[in-house]
């Protein structure tokens, strides 16, 4: 009886867990606008990664509770792989 109760509780906890979100950052654009919608704005925070330049993002964020950042998943922001040196032989 205890085993079935524990199993039911475990399955119930797994099914009620919050769903995972897809990747927030679009890797095709270098700039993201982080929009802060507090308790009065509802919906929480979100990112809009559709900007090609920082001034473009800042113009859109002007007058809003938002800020602009570099997209950490944009290809040029990724660290370059370390070169591998071969030993001659």
C-alpha atoms as a PDB file:
ATOM      1  CA  UNK A   1       0.000   0.000   0.000  1.00  0.00           C
ATOM      2  CA  UNK A   2       2.818   2.406   0.881  1.00  0.00           C
ATOM      3  CA  UNK A   3       4.592   1.633  -2.376  1.00  0.00           C
ATOM      4  CA  UNK A   4       1.537   2.442  -4.499  1.00  0.00           C
ATOM      5  CA  UNK A   5       0.916   5.669  -2.547  1.00  0.00           C
ATOM      6  CA  UNK A   6       4.544   6.718  -3.028  1.00  0.00           C
ATOM      7  CA  UNK A   7       4.352   5.884  -6.716  1.00  0.00           C
ATOM      8  CA  UNK A   8       1.163   7.908  -7.137  1.00  0.00           C
ATOM      9  CA  UNK A   9       2.709  10.880  -5.313  1.00  0.00           C
ATOM     10  CA  UNK A  10       5.867  10.710  -7.436  1.00  0.00           C
ATOM     11  CA  UNK A  11       3.951  10.516 -10.713  1.00  0.00           C
ATOM     12  CA  UNK A  12       1.664  13.338  -9.581  1.00  0.00           C
ATOM     13  CA  UNK A  13       4.638  15.548  -8.723  1.00  0.00           C
ATOM     14  CA  UNK A  14       6.225  14.893 -12.110  1.00  0.00           C
ATOM     15  CA  UNK A  15       3.025  15.662 -13.989  1.00  0.00           C
ATOM     16  CA  UNK A  16       2.384  18.925 -12.133  1.00  0.00           C
ATOM     17  CA  UNK A  17       5.917  20.238 -12.625  1.00  0.00           C
ATOM     18  CA  UNK A  18       6.155  23.441 -14.630  1.00  0.00           C
ATOM     19  CA  UNK A  19       6.747  22.917 -18.342  1.00  0.00           C
ATOM     20  CA  UNK A  20      10.165  23.836 -19.619  1.00  0.00           C
ATOM     21  CA  UNK A  21      10.519  26.856 -21.880  1.00  0.00           C
ATOM     22  CA  UNK A  22      12.090  26.838 -25.300  1.00  0.00           C
ATOM     23  CA  UNK A  23      15.277  28.774 -25.862  1.00  0.00           C
ATOM     24  CA  UNK A  24      14.567  32.440 -25.205  1.00  0.00           C
ATOM     25  CA  UNK A  25      17.277  33.894 -27.413  1.00  0.00           C
ATOM     26  CA  UNK A  26      17.037  33.808 -31.223  1.00  0.00           C
ATOM     27  CA  UNK A  27      20.582  33.047 -32.451  1.00  0.00           C
ATOM     28  CA  UNK A  28      19.958  34.854 -35.776  1.00  0.00           C
ATOM     29  CA  UNK A  29      20.051  38.364 -34.252  1.00  0.00           C
ATOM     30  CA  UNK A  30      22.908  40.006 -32.296  1.00  0.00           C
ATOM     31  CA  UNK A  31      20.820  42.227 -29.973  1.00  0.00           C
ATOM     32  CA  UNK A  32      18.013  41.345 -27.541  1.00  0.00           C
ATOM     33  CA  UNK A  33      15.596  43.622 -25.714  1.00  0.00           C
ATOM     34  CA  UNK A  34      14.790  42.472 -22.180  1.00  0.00           C
ATOM     35  CA  UNK A  35      11.296  43.674 -21.298  1.00  0.00           C
ATOM     36  CA  UNK A  36      10.401  43.897 -17.612  1.00  0.00           C
ATOM     37  CA  UNK A  37       6.655  43.656 -16.959  1.00  0.00           C
ATOM     38  CA  UNK A  38       6.307  43.751 -13.209  1.00  0.00           C
ATOM     39  CA  UNK A  39       3.281  42.853 -11.110  1.00  0.00           C
ATOM     40  CA  UNK A  40       1.101  45.521 -12.753  1.00  0.00           C
ATOM     41  CA  UNK A  41       2.137  44.566 -16.282  1.00  0.00           C
ATOM     42  CA  UNK A  42       1.430  40.875 -15.762  1.00  0.00           C
ATOM     43  CA  UNK A  43       3.129  38.207 -17.809  1.00  0.00           C
ATOM     44  CA  UNK A  44       6.542  38.581 -16.187  1.00  0.00           C
ATOM     45  CA  UNK A  45       9.769  39.244 -18.068  1.00  0.00           C
ATOM     46  CA  UNK A  46      10.495  38.316 -21.664  1.00  0.00           C
ATOM     47  CA  UNK A  47      13.110  38.792 -24.389  1.00  0.00           C
ATOM     48  CA  UNK A  48      12.717  40.063 -27.938  1.00  0.00           C
ATOM     49  CA  UNK A  49      15.764  39.027 -29.953  1.00  0.00           C
ATOM     50  CA  UNK A  50      14.902  40.584 -33.305  1.00  0.00           C
ATOM     51  CA  UNK A  51      17.283  43.545 -33.467  1.00  0.00           C
ATOM     52  CA  UNK A  52      20.269  44.002 -35.749  1.00  0.00           C
ATOM     53  CA  UNK A  53      21.827  46.957 -33.911  1.00  0.00           C
ATOM     54  CA  UNK A  54      21.981  48.418 -30.418  1.00  0.00           C
ATOM     55  CA  UNK A  55      20.546  51.833 -31.482  1.00  0.00           C
ATOM     56  CA  UNK A  56      17.590  50.069 -33.137  1.00  0.00           C
ATOM     57  CA  UNK A  57      16.862  48.174 -29.919  1.00  0.00           C
ATOM     58  CA  UNK A  58      17.316  51.260 -27.737  1.00  0.00           C
ATOM     59  CA  UNK A  59      14.856  53.228 -29.885  1.00  0.00           C
ATOM     60  CA  UNK A  60      12.270  50.490 -29.416  1.00  0.00           C
ATOM     61  CA  UNK A  61      12.954  50.202 -25.680  1.00  0.00           C
ATOM     62  CA  UNK A  62      12.709  53.970 -25.156  1.00  0.00           C
ATOM     63  CA  UNK A  63       9.886  54.870 -22.790  1.00  0.00           C
ATOM     64  CA  UNK A  64       9.382  51.263 -21.738  1.00  0.00           C
ATOM     65  CA  UNK A  65      10.615  49.289 -18.831  1.00  0.00           C
ATOM     66  CA  UNK A  66      13.166  47.491 -21.000  1.00  0.00           C
ATOM     67  CA  UNK A  67      16.876  47.297 -21.709  1.00  0.00           C
ATOM     68  CA  UNK A  68      19.069  46.058 -24.552  1.00  0.00           C
ATOM     69  CA  UNK A  69      21.819  43.454 -24.318  1.00  0.00           C
ATOM     70  CA  UNK A  70      24.057  41.439 -26.589  1.00  0.00           C
ATOM     71  CA  UNK A  71      22.565  38.089 -27.504  1.00  0.00           C
ATOM     72  CA  UNK A  72      24.717  35.429 -25.794  1.00  0.00           C
ATOM     73  CA  UNK A  73      23.714  32.853 -28.423  1.00  0.00           C
ATOM     74  CA  UNK A  74      24.557  34.948 -31.477  1.00  0.00           C
ATOM     75  CA  UNK A  75      27.334  33.228 -33.444  1.00  0.00           C
ATOM     76  CA  UNK A  76      29.910  36.037 -33.147  1.00  0.00           C
ATOM     77  CA  UNK A  77      29.450  36.257 -29.363  1.00  0.00           C
ATOM     78  CA  UNK A  78      30.426  32.629 -28.910  1.00  0.00           C
ATOM     79  CA  UNK A  79      33.975  31.969 -27.713  1.00  0.00           C
ATOM     80  CA  UNK A  80      36.281  30.749 -30.430  1.00  0.00           C
ATOM     81  CA  UNK A  81      37.496  27.164 -30.077  1.00  0.00           C
ATOM     82  CA  UNK A  82      41.059  26.816 -28.909  1.00  0.00           C
ATOM     83  CA  UNK A  83      43.433  25.777 -31.669  1.00  0.00           C
ATOM     84  CA  UNK A  84      44.769  22.267 -31.476  1.00  0.00           C
ATOM     85  CA  UNK A  85      48.467  21.846 -32.017  1.00  0.00           C
ATOM     86  CA  UNK A  86      49.738  18.711 -33.597  1.00  0.00           C
ATOM     87  CA  UNK A  87      53.017  17.249 -32.597  1.00  0.00           C
ATOM     88  CA  UNK A  88      55.286  16.456 -35.469  1.00  0.00           C
ATOM     89  CA  UNK A  89      56.541  12.994 -35.639  1.00  0.00           C
END
